Amino acid sequence: MPVRLTKSRARSGWTEDHRDAMGQAHDYFCAFGPRGSAEALELARACWFDLRDEFFPPFVEANPFQRPRWWWDFEAPERRQCVNGPHPFDNPERQIYVNRWKLEYPHGGGDDAYRLYMGKPGCICGPDFTQKPYPKYETEKAYLIRLDLLVGLERELLAKGEPCQA
């Protein structure tokens, strides 16, 4: 069930704890609620979209061709591609493993098996450990170029051929 935001919390009502969580890319102190809960995720989503214009431009200016964690959680259109073989999420052995895991642990087993973190698998399980070659993923820069998600500064840097961190 989505969290209803009161007018006091929406827009200008976000606390310093909420802002810190946005700036750090992790909610270390559970400013949004119990870690992993649907309520916390909805509150973090609302905070990101309310504060996005405050955090996104300075982040991209300081880190061209990269995106903050919250962007990956709430705006990324798809997962990053595996560049040296099949994506672990597409492995049928993994699905069998996860289904077995869910049967053994019906109260949460396997719930995170297909969670993404920064566009890559956030959970490595079972057959992932033996997959050969071990998965490598496209860089953030390659992802942003492939999906045409670059912003002005990044387009300028790319046109000039200037090196970047990514």
C-alpha atoms as a PDB file:
ATOM      1  CA  MET A   1       0.000   0.000   0.000  1.00  0.00           C
ATOM      2  CA  PRO A   2       1.522   3.361  -0.976  1.00  0.00           C
ATOM      3  CA  VAL A   3       2.490   5.754   1.763  1.00  0.00           C
ATOM      4  CA  ARG A   4       0.338   8.863   1.893  1.00  0.00           C
ATOM      5  CA  LEU A   5       2.441  11.952   2.277  1.00  0.00           C
ATOM      6  CA  THR A   6       1.151  14.749   4.395  1.00  0.00           C
ATOM      7  CA  LYS A   7       1.569  18.258   3.046  1.00  0.00           C
ATOM      8  CA  SER A   8       4.098  18.940   5.795  1.00  0.00           C
ATOM      9  CA  ARG A   9       6.408  16.215   4.529  1.00  0.00           C
ATOM     10  CA  ALA A  10       5.971  16.724   0.808  1.00  0.00           C
ATOM     11  CA  ARG A  11       8.350  19.144  -0.915  1.00  0.00           C
ATOM     12  CA  SER A  12       9.758  21.343   1.850  1.00  0.00           C
ATOM     13  CA  GLY A  13       9.057  19.002   4.754  1.00  0.00           C
ATOM     14  CA  TRP A  14      11.849  16.494   4.182  1.00  0.00           C
ATOM     15  CA  THR A  15      14.134  16.270   7.205  1.00  0.00           C
ATOM     16  CA  GLU A  16      17.927  16.418   7.243  1.00  0.00           C
ATOM     17  CA  ASP A  17      17.898  12.626   7.738  1.00  0.00           C
ATOM     18  CA  HIS A  18      15.973  12.239   4.489  1.00  0.00           C
ATOM     19  CA  ARG A  19      18.352  14.597   2.690  1.00  0.00           C
ATOM     20  CA  ASP A  20      21.372  12.743   4.101  1.00  0.00           C
ATOM     21  CA  ALA A  21      19.955   9.440   2.862  1.00  0.00           C
ATOM     22  CA  MET A  22      19.521  10.935  -0.618  1.00  0.00           C
ATOM     23  CA  GLY A  23      23.040  12.369  -0.590  1.00  0.00           C
ATOM     24  CA  GLN A  24      24.696   9.208   0.706  1.00  0.00           C
ATOM     25  CA  ALA A  25      22.825   6.936  -1.678  1.00  0.00           C
ATOM     26  CA  HIS A  26      21.932   4.641   1.220  1.00  0.00           C
ATOM     27  CA  ASP A  27      19.423   4.895   4.003  1.00  0.00           C
ATOM     28  CA  TYR A  28      21.901   3.784   6.667  1.00  0.00           C
ATOM     29  CA  PHE A  29      19.795   5.055   9.566  1.00  0.00           C
ATOM     30  CA  CYS A  30      16.382   4.019   8.217  1.00  0.00           C
ATOM     31  CA  ALA A  31      15.142   7.583   7.745  1.00  0.00           C
ATOM     32  CA  PHE A  32      12.407   6.220   5.468  1.00  0.00           C
ATOM     33  CA  GLY A  33      11.320   3.394   7.784  1.00  0.00           C
ATOM     34  CA  PRO A  34      12.196  -0.275   8.282  1.00  0.00           C
ATOM     35  CA  ARG A  35      14.858  -1.318   5.784  1.00  0.00           C
ATOM     36  CA  GLY A  36      13.391  -3.163   2.832  1.00  0.00           C
ATOM     37  CA  SER A  37       9.761  -2.429   3.675  1.00  0.00           C
ATOM     38  CA  ALA A  38       7.329  -1.344   0.988  1.00  0.00           C
ATOM     39  CA  GLU A  39       6.532   1.772   3.016  1.00  0.00           C
ATOM     40  CA  ALA A  40      10.194   2.783   3.198  1.00  0.00           C
ATOM     41  CA  LEU A  41      10.600   2.250  -0.540  1.00  0.00           C
ATOM     42  CA  GLU A  42       7.559   4.393  -1.357  1.00  0.00           C
ATOM     43  CA  LEU A  43       8.736   7.147   0.961  1.00  0.00           C
ATOM     44  CA  ALA A  44      12.233   7.048  -0.582  1.00  0.00           C
ATOM     45  CA  ARG A  45      10.650   7.208  -4.055  1.00  0.00           C
ATOM     46  CA  ALA A  46       8.586  10.260  -3.077  1.00  0.00           C
ATOM     47  CA  CYS A  47      11.650  11.913  -1.544  1.00  0.00           C
ATOM     48  CA  TRP A  48      13.757  11.240  -4.654  1.00  0.00           C
ATOM     49  CA  PHE A  49      11.207  12.783  -7.006  1.00  0.00           C
ATOM     50  CA  ASP A  50      10.673  15.771  -4.706  1.00  0.00           C
ATOM     51  CA  LEU A  51      14.406  16.406  -4.216  1.00  0.00           C
ATOM     52  CA  ARG A  52      15.701  15.120  -7.567  1.00  0.00           C
ATOM     53  CA  ASP A  53      16.373  18.595  -8.991  1.00  0.00           C
ATOM     54  CA  GLU A  54      18.394  19.443  -5.885  1.00  0.00           C
ATOM     55  CA  PHE A  55      20.582  16.314  -6.003  1.00  0.00           C
ATOM     56  CA  PHE A  56      20.780  15.169  -9.623  1.00  0.00           C
ATOM     57  CA  PRO A  57      22.504  18.110 -11.406  1.00  0.00           C
ATOM     58  CA  PRO A  58      25.333  18.515  -8.844  1.00  0.00           C
ATOM     59  CA  PHE A  59      25.871  14.746  -8.816  1.00  0.00           C
ATOM     60  CA  VAL A  60      26.215  14.551 -12.611  1.00  0.00           C
ATOM     61  CA  GLU A  61      28.460  17.606 -12.677  1.00  0.00           C
ATOM     62  CA  ALA A  62      30.785  15.976 -10.129  1.00  0.00           C
ATOM     63  CA  ASN A  63      30.440  12.472 -11.636  1.00  0.00           C
ATOM     64  CA  PRO A  64      29.826  12.623 -15.390  1.00  0.00           C
ATOM     65  CA  PHE A  65      28.496   9.419 -16.958  1.00  0.00           C
ATOM     66  CA  GLN A  66      27.329   8.094 -13.584  1.00  0.00           C
ATOM     67  CA  ARG A  67      24.001   8.163 -11.803  1.00  0.00           C
ATOM     68  CA  PRO A  68      23.127   8.208  -8.102  1.00  0.00           C
ATOM     69  CA  ARG A  69      21.792   5.046  -6.511  1.00  0.00           C
ATOM     70  CA  TRP A  70      18.260   6.449  -6.186  1.00  0.00           C
ATOM     71  CA  TRP A  71      18.161   7.156  -9.923  1.00  0.00           C
ATOM     72  CA  TRP A  72      18.951   3.489 -10.522  1.00  0.00           C
ATOM     73  CA  ASP A  73      16.167   2.454  -8.133  1.00  0.00           C
ATOM     74  CA  PHE A  74      13.456   4.723  -9.468  1.00  0.00           C
ATOM     75  CA  GLU A  75      14.292   5.948 -12.980  1.00  0.00           C
ATOM     76  CA  ALA A  76      16.525   3.443 -14.757  1.00  0.00           C
ATOM     77  CA  PRO A  77      14.518   2.039 -17.677  1.00  0.00           C
ATOM     78  CA  GLU A  78      16.160  -1.403 -17.625  1.00  0.00           C
ATOM     79  CA  ARG A  79      18.953  -3.456 -16.073  1.00  0.00           C
ATOM     80  CA  ARG A  80      22.535  -3.225 -17.306  1.00  0.00           C
ATOM     81  CA  GLN A  81      23.497  -5.750 -19.957  1.00  0.00           C
ATOM     82  CA  CYS A  82      25.896  -8.574 -19.255  1.00  0.00           C
ATOM     83  CA  VAL A  83      28.724  -8.117 -21.776  1.00  0.00           C
ATOM     84  CA  ASN A  84      30.428 -11.510 -21.609  1.00  0.00           C
ATOM     85  CA  GLY A  85      27.564 -13.979 -21.710  1.00  0.00           C
ATOM     86  CA  PRO A  86      23.980 -14.501 -20.608  1.00  0.00           C
ATOM     87  CA  HIS A  87      22.635 -12.374 -17.789  1.00  0.00           C
ATOM     88  CA  PRO A  88      22.347 -14.359 -14.517  1.00  0.00           C
ATOM     89  CA  PHE A  89      18.640 -13.455 -14.305  1.00  0.00           C
ATOM     90  CA  ASP A  90      18.095 -15.279 -17.613  1.00  0.00           C
ATOM     91  CA  ASN A  91      19.701 -18.502 -16.343  1.00  0.00           C
ATOM     92  CA  PRO A  92      17.024 -21.250 -16.035  1.00  0.00           C
ATOM     93  CA  GLU A  93      19.137 -22.985 -13.342  1.00  0.00           C
ATOM     94  CA  ARG A  94      18.855 -19.862 -11.236  1.00  0.00           C
ATOM     95  CA  GLN A  95      15.054 -19.891 -11.501  1.00  0.00           C
ATOM     96  CA  ILE A  96      14.986 -23.531 -10.332  1.00  0.00           C
ATOM     97  CA  TYR A  97      17.280 -22.637  -7.431  1.00  0.00           C
ATOM     98  CA  VAL A  98      15.147 -19.621  -6.441  1.00  0.00           C
ATOM     99  CA  ASN A  99      11.904 -21.646  -6.642  1.00  0.00           C
ATOM    100  CA  ARG A 100      13.418 -24.288  -4.348  1.00  0.00           C
ATOM    101  CA  TRP A 101      14.635 -21.550  -2.017  1.00  0.00           C
ATOM    102  CA  LYS A 102      11.117 -20.095  -1.827  1.00  0.00           C
ATOM    103  CA  LEU A 103       9.660 -23.519  -0.956  1.00  0.00           C
ATOM    104  CA  GLU A 104      12.195 -24.061   1.822  1.00  0.00           C
ATOM    105  CA  TYR A 105      11.800 -20.556   3.220  1.00  0.00           C
ATOM    106  CA  PRO A 106       8.213 -19.455   2.492  1.00  0.00           C
ATOM    107  CA  HIS A 107       8.496 -16.338   4.664  1.00  0.00           C
ATOM    108  CA  GLY A 108      10.883 -14.388   2.485  1.00  0.00           C
ATOM    109  CA  GLY A 109      13.230 -16.883   0.886  1.00  0.00           C
ATOM    110  CA  GLY A 110      14.171 -15.701  -2.568  1.00  0.00           C
ATOM    111  CA  ASP A 111      12.333 -12.382  -2.329  1.00  0.00           C
ATOM    112  CA  ASP A 112      15.515 -10.497  -3.210  1.00  0.00           C
ATOM    113  CA  ALA A 113      16.725 -12.939  -5.856  1.00  0.00           C
ATOM    114  CA  TYR A 114      15.903 -10.603  -8.729  1.00  0.00           C
ATOM    115  CA  ARG A 115      16.560  -7.286  -7.001  1.00  0.00           C
ATOM    116  CA  LEU A 116      18.811  -4.846  -8.833  1.00  0.00           C
ATOM    117  CA  TYR A 117      21.452  -2.634  -7.284  1.00  0.00           C
ATOM    118  CA  MET A 118      22.742   0.159  -9.546  1.00  0.00           C
ATOM    119  CA  GLY A 119      21.432  -1.772 -12.541  1.00  0.00           C
ATOM    120  CA  LYS A 120      23.244  -5.021 -11.704  1.00  0.00           C
ATOM    121  CA  PRO A 121      22.073  -8.067  -9.709  1.00  0.00           C
ATOM    122  CA  GLY A 122      21.807  -7.169  -6.040  1.00  0.00           C
ATOM    123  CA  CYS A 123      21.701 -10.817  -5.008  1.00  0.00           C
ATOM    124  CA  ILE A 124      24.113 -13.535  -6.063  1.00  0.00           C
ATOM    125  CA  CYS A 125      22.846 -17.023  -5.363  1.00  0.00           C
ATOM    126  CA  GLY A 126      23.313 -20.683  -6.251  1.00  0.00           C
ATOM    127  CA  PRO A 127      24.346 -21.096  -9.882  1.00  0.00           C
ATOM    128  CA  ASP A 128      25.641 -17.509 -10.066  1.00  0.00           C
ATOM    129  CA  PHE A 129      28.776 -18.634  -8.217  1.00  0.00           C
ATOM    130  CA  THR A 130      29.633 -21.269 -10.804  1.00  0.00           C
ATOM    131  CA  GLN A 131      28.637 -19.357 -13.941  1.00  0.00           C
ATOM    132  CA  LYS A 132      31.567 -19.272 -16.339  1.00  0.00           C
ATOM    133  CA  PRO A 133      32.694 -16.768 -17.335  1.00  0.00           C
ATOM    134  CA  TYR A 134      31.746 -14.777 -14.251  1.00  0.00           C
ATOM    135  CA  PRO A 135      29.347 -12.026 -15.398  1.00  0.00           C
ATOM    136  CA  LYS A 136      30.687  -8.603 -16.304  1.00  0.00           C
ATOM    137  CA  TYR A 137      28.342  -5.719 -16.958  1.00  0.00           C
ATOM    138  CA  GLU A 138      28.378  -2.703 -19.206  1.00  0.00           C
ATOM    139  CA  THR A 139      29.709   0.437 -17.579  1.00  0.00           C
ATOM    140  CA  GLU A 140      27.366   3.188 -16.514  1.00  0.00           C
ATOM    141  CA  LYS A 141      28.723   5.280 -19.380  1.00  0.00           C
ATOM    142  CA  ALA A 142      28.006   2.558 -21.962  1.00  0.00           C
ATOM    143  CA  TYR A 143      24.517   2.085 -20.491  1.00  0.00           C
ATOM    144  CA  LEU A 144      23.712   5.801 -20.638  1.00  0.00           C
ATOM    145  CA  ILE A 145      25.009   6.091 -24.222  1.00  0.00           C
ATOM    146  CA  ARG A 146      23.174   2.953 -25.400  1.00  0.00           C
ATOM    147  CA  LEU A 147      19.849   4.199 -24.022  1.00  0.00           C
ATOM    148  CA  ASP A 148      20.478   7.841 -24.990  1.00  0.00           C
ATOM    149  CA  LEU A 149      20.170   9.039 -21.386  1.00  0.00           C
ATOM    150  CA  LEU A 150      23.020  11.547 -21.404  1.00  0.00           C
ATOM    151  CA  VAL A 151      22.440  15.066 -20.117  1.00  0.00           C
ATOM    152  CA  GLY A 152      23.902  18.273 -21.600  1.00  0.00           C
ATOM    153  CA  LEU A 153      27.264  18.256 -19.801  1.00  0.00           C
ATOM    154  CA  GLU A 154      27.857  14.607 -20.683  1.00  0.00           C
ATOM    155  CA  ARG A 155      26.997  15.190 -24.340  1.00  0.00           C
ATOM    156  CA  GLU A 156      29.518  18.040 -24.432  1.00  0.00           C
ATOM    157  CA  LEU A 157      32.234  15.893 -22.817  1.00  0.00           C
ATOM    158  CA  LEU A 158      31.507  13.037 -25.214  1.00  0.00           C
ATOM    159  CA  ALA A 159      31.658  15.375 -28.227  1.00  0.00           C
ATOM    160  CA  LYS A 160      35.020  16.778 -27.057  1.00  0.00           C
ATOM    161  CA  GLY A 161      36.323  13.262 -26.468  1.00  0.00           C
ATOM    162  CA  GLU A 162      37.430  14.204 -22.964  1.00  0.00           C
ATOM    163  CA  PRO A 163      38.265  11.337 -20.630  1.00  0.00           C
ATOM    164  CA  CYS A 164      35.978  10.677 -17.700  1.00  0.00           C
ATOM    165  CA  GLN A 165      35.869   8.448 -14.629  1.00  0.00           C
ATOM    166  CA  ALA A 166      33.483   5.883 -16.118  1.00  0.00           C
END
